[in-house]
Amino acid sequence: MPYTSQTLISKIHQMYPTIRDHNIEVVAWHDQTQDTWVITLQKGDHTLTTYLDGAEADQCIEGGRCIYLGLHVAEFLANFEDERLAA
């Protein structure tokens, strides 16, 4: 199923609304040579880059199921919760 990076980013925001709550920037682009989506989450000096193969990205878009990405998002968000609690 063809879709744009903006479609994937919108789906990520829909599935993980906490990303917006923390003002985290999401960037996605498709590496066509490897059929992989590169997803970058960034806030300030903190950056996480993760990869979804084409089939995983399709599951995210079509079924709203992104287990691998969800684990990385949760880990990234936990860093900000830990910093907030330490402050």
PDB file of N, CA and C in Angstrom:
ATOM      1  N   MET A   1       0.837  -1.175   0.000  1.00  0.00           N
ATOM      2  CA  MET A   1       0.000   0.000   0.000  1.00  0.00           C
ATOM      3  C   MET A   1       0.891   1.251   0.000  1.00  0.00           C
ATOM      4  N   PRO A   2       0.785   2.074  -1.009  1.00  0.00           N
ATOM      5  CA  PRO A   2       1.595   3.289  -1.018  1.00  0.00           C
ATOM      6  C   PRO A   2       1.007   4.365  -0.093  1.00  0.00           C
ATOM      7  N   TYR A   3       1.870   5.009   0.641  1.00  0.00           N
ATOM      8  CA  TYR A   3       1.482   6.116   1.515  1.00  0.00           C
ATOM      9  C   TYR A   3       2.683   7.023   1.687  1.00  0.00           C
ATOM     10  N   THR A   4       2.427   8.200   2.198  1.00  0.00           N
ATOM     11  CA  THR A   4       3.495   9.191   2.345  1.00  0.00           C
ATOM     12  C   THR A   4       4.059   9.165   3.761  1.00  0.00           C
ATOM     13  N   SER A   5       5.172   9.841   3.921  1.00  0.00           N
ATOM     14  CA  SER A   5       5.758   9.952   5.256  1.00  0.00           C
ATOM     15  C   SER A   5       4.800  10.694   6.186  1.00  0.00           C
ATOM     16  N   GLN A   6       4.074  11.672   5.657  1.00  0.00           N
ATOM     17  CA  GLN A   6       3.128  12.417   6.488  1.00  0.00           C
ATOM     18  C   GLN A   6       1.993  11.514   6.976  1.00  0.00           C
ATOM     19  N   THR A   7       1.567  10.575   6.130  1.00  0.00           N
ATOM     20  CA  THR A   7       0.537   9.615   6.534  1.00  0.00           C
ATOM     21  C   THR A   7       1.035   8.772   7.707  1.00  0.00           C
ATOM     22  N   LEU A   8       2.277   8.318   7.617  1.00  0.00           N
ATOM     23  CA  LEU A   8       2.849   7.509   8.696  1.00  0.00           C
ATOM     24  C   LEU A   8       3.020   8.338   9.967  1.00  0.00           C
ATOM     25  N   ILE A   9       3.491   9.566   9.829  1.00  0.00           N
ATOM     26  CA  ILE A   9       3.657  10.443  10.995  1.00  0.00           C
ATOM     27  C   ILE A   9       2.309  10.711  11.657  1.00  0.00           C
ATOM     28  N   SER A  10       1.287  10.962  10.871  1.00  0.00           N
ATOM     29  CA  SER A  10      -0.059  11.192  11.419  1.00  0.00           C
ATOM     30  C   SER A  10      -0.551   9.968  12.176  1.00  0.00           C
ATOM     31  N   LYS A  11      -0.291   8.791  11.634  1.00  0.00           N
ATOM     32  CA  LYS A  11      -0.700   7.553  12.300  1.00  0.00           C
ATOM     33  C   LYS A  11       0.048   7.383  13.618  1.00  0.00           C
ATOM     34  N   ILE A  12       1.335   7.709  13.625  1.00  0.00           N
ATOM     35  CA  ILE A  12       2.136   7.621  14.853  1.00  0.00           C
ATOM     36  C   ILE A  12       1.574   8.569  15.903  1.00  0.00           C
ATOM     37  N   HIS A  13       1.250   9.799  15.514  1.00  0.00           N
ATOM     38  CA  HIS A  13       0.653  10.751  16.457  1.00  0.00           C
ATOM     39  C   HIS A  13      -0.689  10.247  16.978  1.00  0.00           C
ATOM     40  N   GLN A  14      -1.457   9.624  16.104  1.00  0.00           N
ATOM     41  CA  GLN A  14      -2.768   9.091  16.510  1.00  0.00           C
ATOM     42  C   GLN A  14      -2.602   7.961  17.527  1.00  0.00           C
ATOM     43  N   MET A  15      -1.651   7.084  17.293  1.00  0.00           N
ATOM     44  CA  MET A  15      -1.462   5.923  18.171  1.00  0.00           C
ATOM     45  C   MET A  15      -0.738   6.283  19.466  1.00  0.00           C
ATOM     46  N   TYR A  16       0.115   7.297  19.419  1.00  0.00           N
ATOM     47  CA  TYR A  16       0.923   7.680  20.582  1.00  0.00           C
ATOM     48  C   TYR A  16       0.763   9.176  20.838  1.00  0.00           C
ATOM     49  N   PRO A  17      -0.402   9.612  21.329  1.00  0.00           N
ATOM     50  CA  PRO A  17      -0.648  11.049  21.519  1.00  0.00           C
ATOM     51  C   PRO A  17       0.301  11.709  22.517  1.00  0.00           C
ATOM     52  N   THR A  18       0.938  10.921  23.350  1.00  0.00           N
ATOM     53  CA  THR A  18       1.888  11.470  24.315  1.00  0.00           C
ATOM     54  C   THR A  18       3.050  12.168  23.611  1.00  0.00           C
ATOM     55  N   ILE A  19       3.328  11.758  22.386  1.00  0.00           N
ATOM     56  CA  ILE A  19       4.398  12.391  21.612  1.00  0.00           C
ATOM     57  C   ILE A  19       4.116  13.888  21.480  1.00  0.00           C
ATOM     58  N   ARG A  20       2.871  14.219  21.159  1.00  0.00           N
ATOM     59  CA  ARG A  20       2.506  15.637  21.044  1.00  0.00           C
ATOM     60  C   ARG A  20       2.541  16.317  22.411  1.00  0.00           C
ATOM     61  N   ASP A  21       2.086  15.605  23.439  1.00  0.00           N
ATOM     62  CA  ASP A  21       2.073  16.178  24.791  1.00  0.00           C
ATOM     63  C   ASP A  21       3.468  16.616  25.233  1.00  0.00           C
ATOM     64  N   HIS A  22       4.478  15.896  24.769  1.00  0.00           N
ATOM     65  CA  HIS A  22       5.869  16.200  25.130  1.00  0.00           C
ATOM     66  C   HIS A  22       6.578  17.042  24.067  1.00  0.00           C
ATOM     67  N   ASN A  23       5.824  17.497  23.054  1.00  0.00           N
ATOM     68  CA  ASN A  23       6.397  18.321  21.974  1.00  0.00           C
ATOM     69  C   ASN A  23       7.596  17.657  21.309  1.00  0.00           C
ATOM     70  N   ILE A  24       7.440  16.386  20.999  1.00  0.00           N
ATOM     71  CA  ILE A  24       8.505  15.639  20.342  1.00  0.00           C
ATOM     72  C   ILE A  24       8.282  15.687  18.837  1.00  0.00           C
ATOM     73  N   GLU A  25       9.329  16.034  18.117  1.00  0.00           N
ATOM     74  CA  GLU A  25       9.259  16.096  16.662  1.00  0.00           C
ATOM     75  C   GLU A  25       9.409  14.684  16.094  1.00  0.00           C
ATOM     76  N   VAL A  26       8.582  14.362  15.113  1.00  0.00           N
ATOM     77  CA  VAL A  26       8.647  13.063  14.441  1.00  0.00           C
ATOM     78  C   VAL A  26       8.954  13.311  12.971  1.00  0.00           C
ATOM     79  N   VAL A  27       9.977  12.632  12.490  1.00  0.00           N
ATOM     80  CA  VAL A  27      10.356  12.706  11.078  1.00  0.00           C
ATOM     81  C   VAL A  27      10.379  11.271  10.555  1.00  0.00           C
ATOM     82  N   ALA A  28       9.850  11.084   9.358  1.00  0.00           N
ATOM     83  CA  ALA A  28       9.860   9.750   8.745  1.00  0.00           C
ATOM     84  C   ALA A  28      10.221   9.882   7.272  1.00  0.00           C
ATOM     85  N   TRP A  29      11.015   8.953   6.785  1.00  0.00           N
ATOM     86  CA  TRP A  29      11.302   8.899   5.359  1.00  0.00           C
ATOM     87  C   TRP A  29      11.498   7.449   4.958  1.00  0.00           C
ATOM     88  N   HIS A  30      11.248   7.190   3.704  1.00  0.00           N
ATOM     89  CA  HIS A  30      11.287   5.824   3.191  1.00  0.00           C
ATOM     90  C   HIS A  30      12.585   5.588   2.439  1.00  0.00           C
ATOM     91  N   ASP A  31      13.335   4.582   2.867  1.00  0.00           N
ATOM     92  CA  ASP A  31      14.531   4.143   2.159  1.00  0.00           C
ATOM     93  C   ASP A  31      14.075   3.079   1.163  1.00  0.00           C
ATOM     94  N   GLN A  32      13.884   3.489  -0.073  1.00  0.00           N
ATOM     95  CA  GLN A  32      13.313   2.588  -1.076  1.00  0.00           C
ATOM     96  C   GLN A  32      14.233   1.431  -1.422  1.00  0.00           C
ATOM     97  N   THR A  33      15.539   1.628  -1.324  1.00  0.00           N
ATOM     98  CA  THR A  33      16.466   0.555  -1.677  1.00  0.00           C
ATOM     99  C   THR A  33      16.349  -0.622  -0.718  1.00  0.00           C
ATOM    100  N   GLN A  34      15.948  -0.352   0.537  1.00  0.00           N
ATOM    101  CA  GLN A  34      15.832  -1.421   1.526  1.00  0.00           C
ATOM    102  C   GLN A  34      14.394  -1.653   1.968  1.00  0.00           C
ATOM    103  N   ASP A  35      13.457  -0.926   1.372  1.00  0.00           N
ATOM    104  CA  ASP A  35      12.040  -0.972   1.755  1.00  0.00           C
ATOM    105  C   ASP A  35      11.894  -0.857   3.272  1.00  0.00           C
ATOM    106  N   THR A  36      12.519   0.195   3.796  1.00  0.00           N
ATOM    107  CA  THR A  36      12.527   0.454   5.230  1.00  0.00           C
ATOM    108  C   THR A  36      12.126   1.902   5.481  1.00  0.00           C
ATOM    109  N   TRP A  37      11.314   2.104   6.516  1.00  0.00           N
ATOM    110  CA  TRP A  37      10.973   3.456   6.958  1.00  0.00           C
ATOM    111  C   TRP A  37      11.903   3.826   8.102  1.00  0.00           C
ATOM    112  N   VAL A  38      12.487   4.990   8.008  1.00  0.00           N
ATOM    113  CA  VAL A  38      13.364   5.514   9.052  1.00  0.00           C
ATOM    114  C   VAL A  38      12.543   6.537   9.834  1.00  0.00           C
ATOM    115  N   ILE A  39      12.366   6.285  11.128  1.00  0.00           N
ATOM    116  CA  ILE A  39      11.564   7.144  11.999  1.00  0.00           C
ATOM    117  C   ILE A  39      12.504   7.771  13.021  1.00  0.00           C
ATOM    118  N   THR A  40      12.474   9.090  13.117  1.00  0.00           N
ATOM    119  CA  THR A  40      13.301   9.795  14.084  1.00  0.00           C
ATOM    120  C   THR A  40      12.407  10.595  15.025  1.00  0.00           C
ATOM    121  N   LEU A  41      12.623  10.404  16.311  1.00  0.00           N
ATOM    122  CA  LEU A  41      11.963  11.192  17.347  1.00  0.00           C
ATOM    123  C   LEU A  41      13.017  12.115  17.931  1.00  0.00           C
ATOM    124  N   GLN A  42      12.676  13.397  18.068  1.00  0.00           N
ATOM    125  CA  GLN A  42      13.668  14.330  18.581  1.00  0.00           C
ATOM    126  C   GLN A  42      13.021  15.362  19.484  1.00  0.00           C
ATOM    127  N   LYS A  43      13.710  15.629  20.593  1.00  0.00           N
ATOM    128  CA  LYS A  43      13.335  16.704  21.495  1.00  0.00           C
ATOM    129  C   LYS A  43      14.622  17.249  22.089  1.00  0.00           C
ATOM    130  N   GLY A  44      14.895  18.506  21.778  1.00  0.00           N
ATOM    131  CA  GLY A  44      16.135  19.105  22.264  1.00  0.00           C
ATOM    132  C   GLY A  44      17.338  18.334  21.760  1.00  0.00           C
ATOM    133  N   ASP A  45      18.214  17.980  22.673  1.00  0.00           N
ATOM    134  CA  ASP A  45      19.419  17.236  22.318  1.00  0.00           C
ATOM    135  C   ASP A  45      19.195  15.734  22.242  1.00  0.00           C
ATOM    136  N   HIS A  46      17.988  15.276  22.530  1.00  0.00           N
ATOM    137  CA  HIS A  46      17.677  13.851  22.559  1.00  0.00           C
ATOM    138  C   HIS A  46      17.108  13.406  21.217  1.00  0.00           C
ATOM    139  N   THR A  47      17.675  12.349  20.672  1.00  0.00           N
ATOM    140  CA  THR A  47      17.218  11.821  19.392  1.00  0.00           C
ATOM    141  C   THR A  47      17.182  10.305  19.456  1.00  0.00           C
ATOM    142  N   LEU A  48      16.121   9.745  18.891  1.00  0.00           N
ATOM    143  CA  LEU A  48      16.019   8.299  18.733  1.00  0.00           C
ATOM    144  C   LEU A  48      15.666   8.034  17.287  1.00  0.00           C
ATOM    145  N   THR A  49      16.442   7.189  16.641  1.00  0.00           N
ATOM    146  CA  THR A  49      16.144   6.773  15.281  1.00  0.00           C
ATOM    147  C   THR A  49      15.860   5.278  15.309  1.00  0.00           C
ATOM    148  N   THR A  50      14.767   4.896  14.704  1.00  0.00           N
ATOM    149  CA  THR A  50      14.395   3.492  14.632  1.00  0.00           C
ATOM    150  C   THR A  50      13.931   3.180  13.216  1.00  0.00           C
ATOM    151  N   TYR A  51      13.852   1.916  12.901  1.00  0.00           N
ATOM    152  CA  TYR A  51      13.561   1.495  11.539  1.00  0.00           C
ATOM    153  C   TYR A  51      12.379   0.534  11.532  1.00  0.00           C
ATOM    154  N   LEU A  52      11.507   0.701  10.555  1.00  0.00           N
ATOM    155  CA  LEU A  52      10.396  -0.228  10.342  1.00  0.00           C
ATOM    156  C   LEU A  52      10.511  -0.774   8.933  1.00  0.00           C
ATOM    157  N   ASP A  53      10.516  -2.099   8.807  1.00  0.00           N
ATOM    158  CA  ASP A  53      10.513  -2.608   7.444  1.00  0.00           C
ATOM    159  C   ASP A  53       9.137  -2.355   6.839  1.00  0.00           C
ATOM    160  N   GLY A  54       9.041  -2.509   5.541  1.00  0.00           N
ATOM    161  CA  GLY A  54       7.813  -2.182   4.833  1.00  0.00           C
ATOM    162  C   GLY A  54       6.592  -2.880   5.387  1.00  0.00           C
ATOM    163  N   ALA A  55       6.721  -4.165   5.733  1.00  0.00           N
ATOM    164  CA  ALA A  55       5.582  -4.922   6.266  1.00  0.00           C
ATOM    165  C   ALA A  55       5.132  -4.383   7.615  1.00  0.00           C
ATOM    166  N   GLU A  56       6.088  -4.016   8.475  1.00  0.00           N
ATOM    167  CA  GLU A  56       5.738  -3.444   9.784  1.00  0.00           C
ATOM    168  C   GLU A  56       5.032  -2.098   9.628  1.00  0.00           C
ATOM    169  N   ALA A  57       5.533  -1.280   8.718  1.00  0.00           N
ATOM    170  CA  ALA A  57       4.903   0.019   8.475  1.00  0.00           C
ATOM    171  C   ALA A  57       3.485  -0.173   7.934  1.00  0.00           C
ATOM    172  N   ASP A  58       3.316  -1.154   7.050  1.00  0.00           N
ATOM    173  CA  ASP A  58       1.976  -1.457   6.529  1.00  0.00           C
ATOM    174  C   ASP A  58       1.026  -1.835   7.659  1.00  0.00           C
ATOM    175  N   GLN A  59       1.490  -2.648   8.605  1.00  0.00           N
ATOM    176  CA  GLN A  59       0.659  -3.028   9.749  1.00  0.00           C
ATOM    177  C   GLN A  59       0.275  -1.807  10.572  1.00  0.00           C
ATOM    178  N   CYS A  60       1.205  -0.880  10.732  1.00  0.00           N
ATOM    179  CA  CYS A  60       0.908   0.346  11.479  1.00  0.00           C
ATOM    180  C   CYS A  60      -0.199   1.138  10.795  1.00  0.00           C
ATOM    181  N   ILE A  61      -0.058   1.327   9.504  1.00  0.00           N
ATOM    182  CA  ILE A  61      -1.019   2.124   8.748  1.00  0.00           C
ATOM    183  C   ILE A  61      -2.366   1.424   8.643  1.00  0.00           C
ATOM    184  N   GLU A  62      -2.355   0.157   8.269  1.00  0.00           N
ATOM    185  CA  GLU A  62      -3.591  -0.556   7.983  1.00  0.00           C
ATOM    186  C   GLU A  62      -4.300  -1.063   9.232  1.00  0.00           C
ATOM    187  N   GLY A  63      -3.528  -1.549  10.192  1.00  0.00           N
ATOM    188  CA  GLY A  63      -4.152  -2.175  11.350  1.00  0.00           C
ATOM    189  C   GLY A  63      -3.965  -1.427  12.651  1.00  0.00           C
ATOM    190  N   GLY A  64      -3.186  -0.362  12.613  1.00  0.00           N
ATOM    191  CA  GLY A  64      -2.948   0.396  13.838  1.00  0.00           C
ATOM    192  C   GLY A  64      -2.153  -0.391  14.857  1.00  0.00           C
ATOM    193  N   ARG A  65      -1.294  -1.260  14.380  1.00  0.00           N
ATOM    194  CA  ARG A  65      -0.515  -2.119  15.273  1.00  0.00           C
ATOM    195  C   ARG A  65       0.970  -1.927  14.978  1.00  0.00           C
ATOM    196  N   CYS A  66       1.676  -1.309  15.901  1.00  0.00           N
ATOM    197  CA  CYS A  66       3.111  -1.031  15.735  1.00  0.00           C
ATOM    198  C   CYS A  66       3.847  -1.414  17.011  1.00  0.00           C
ATOM    199  N   ILE A  67       3.976  -2.674  17.258  1.00  0.00           N
ATOM    200  CA  ILE A  67       4.574  -3.137  18.509  1.00  0.00           C
ATOM    201  C   ILE A  67       6.028  -2.695  18.617  1.00  0.00           C
ATOM    202  N   TYR A  68       6.810  -2.921  17.590  1.00  0.00           N
ATOM    203  CA  TYR A  68       8.234  -2.573  17.623  1.00  0.00           C
ATOM    204  C   TYR A  68       8.413  -1.076  17.836  1.00  0.00           C
ATOM    205  N   LEU A  69       7.694  -0.274  17.056  1.00  0.00           N
ATOM    206  CA  LEU A  69       7.783   1.169  17.205  1.00  0.00           C
ATOM    207  C   LEU A  69       7.287   1.602  18.580  1.00  0.00           C
ATOM    208  N   GLY A  70       6.227   0.996  19.067  1.00  0.00           N
ATOM    209  CA  GLY A  70       5.671   1.328  20.373  1.00  0.00           C
ATOM    210  C   GLY A  70       6.673   1.144  21.492  1.00  0.00           C
ATOM    211  N   LEU A  71       7.465   0.098  21.413  1.00  0.00           N
ATOM    212  CA  LEU A  71       8.494  -0.137  22.430  1.00  0.00           C
ATOM    213  C   LEU A  71       9.523   0.991  22.429  1.00  0.00           C
ATOM    214  N   HIS A  72       9.916   1.429  21.248  1.00  0.00           N
ATOM    215  CA  HIS A  72      10.905   2.503  21.149  1.00  0.00           C
ATOM    216  C   HIS A  72      10.324   3.842  21.594  1.00  0.00           C
ATOM    217  N   VAL A  73       9.084   4.099  21.239  1.00  0.00           N
ATOM    218  CA  VAL A  73       8.431   5.337  21.680  1.00  0.00           C
ATOM    219  C   VAL A  73       8.346   5.354  23.204  1.00  0.00           C
ATOM    220  N   ALA A  74       7.930   4.247  23.803  1.00  0.00           N
ATOM    221  CA  ALA A  74       7.814   4.174  25.266  1.00  0.00           C
ATOM    222  C   ALA A  74       9.164   4.399  25.939  1.00  0.00           C
ATOM    223  N   GLU A  75      10.208   3.823  25.383  1.00  0.00           N
ATOM    224  CA  GLU A  75      11.554   3.996  25.930  1.00  0.00           C
ATOM    225  C   GLU A  75      11.987   5.471  25.839  1.00  0.00           C
ATOM    226  N   PHE A  76      11.737   6.093  24.706  1.00  0.00           N
ATOM    227  CA  PHE A  76      12.110   7.490  24.512  1.00  0.00           C
ATOM    228  C   PHE A  76      11.350   8.388  25.474  1.00  0.00           C
ATOM    229  N   LEU A  77      10.056   8.163  25.611  1.00  0.00           N
ATOM    230  CA  LEU A  77       9.227   8.964  26.518  1.00  0.00           C
ATOM    231  C   LEU A  77       9.623   8.755  27.974  1.00  0.00           C
ATOM    232  N   ALA A  78      10.032   7.545  28.330  1.00  0.00           N
ATOM    233  CA  ALA A  78      10.447   7.260  29.702  1.00  0.00           C
ATOM    234  C   ALA A  78      11.644   8.111  30.093  1.00  0.00           C
ATOM    235  N   ASN A  79      12.504   8.416  29.145  1.00  0.00           N
ATOM    236  CA  ASN A  79      13.658   9.277  29.441  1.00  0.00           C
ATOM    237  C   ASN A  79      13.206  10.640  29.926  1.00  0.00           C
ATOM    238  N   PHE A  80      12.146  11.178  29.339  1.00  0.00           N
ATOM    239  CA  PHE A  80      11.662  12.486  29.750  1.00  0.00           C
ATOM    240  C   PHE A  80      10.934  12.412  31.080  1.00  0.00           C
ATOM    241  N   GLU A  81      10.229  11.325  31.342  1.00  0.00           N
ATOM    242  CA  GLU A  81       9.580  11.150  32.635  1.00  0.00           C
ATOM    243  C   GLU A  81      10.627  11.047  33.734  1.00  0.00           C
ATOM    244  N   ASP A  82      11.710  10.308  33.476  1.00  0.00           N
ATOM    245  CA  ASP A  82      12.785  10.167  34.455  1.00  0.00           C
ATOM    246  C   ASP A  82      13.426  11.521  34.746  1.00  0.00           C
ATOM    247  N   GLU A  83      13.654  12.334  33.697  1.00  0.00           N
ATOM    248  CA  GLU A  83      14.241  13.657  33.903  1.00  0.00           C
ATOM    249  C   GLU A  83      13.290  14.554  34.686  1.00  0.00           C
ATOM    250  N   ARG A  84      11.999  14.481  34.394  1.00  0.00           N
ATOM    251  CA  ARG A  84      11.017  15.316  35.073  1.00  0.00           C
ATOM    252  C   ARG A  84      10.942  14.949  36.563  1.00  0.00           C
ATOM    253  N   LEU A  85      11.008  13.655  36.867  1.00  0.00           N
ATOM    254  CA  LEU A  85      10.954  13.225  38.257  1.00  0.00           C
ATOM    255  C   LEU A  85      12.211  13.603  39.020  1.00  0.00           C
ATOM    256  N   ALA A  86      13.351  13.629  38.325  1.00  0.00           N
ATOM    257  CA  ALA A  86      14.616  13.959  38.975  1.00  0.00           C
ATOM    258  C   ALA A  86      14.745  15.457  39.228  1.00  0.00           C
ATOM    259  N   ALA A  87      13.994  16.245  38.472  1.00  0.00           N
ATOM    260  CA  ALA A  87      14.115  17.719  38.602  1.00  0.00           C
ATOM    261  C   ALA A  87      13.461  18.238  39.849  1.00  0.00           C
TER     262      ALA A  87
END
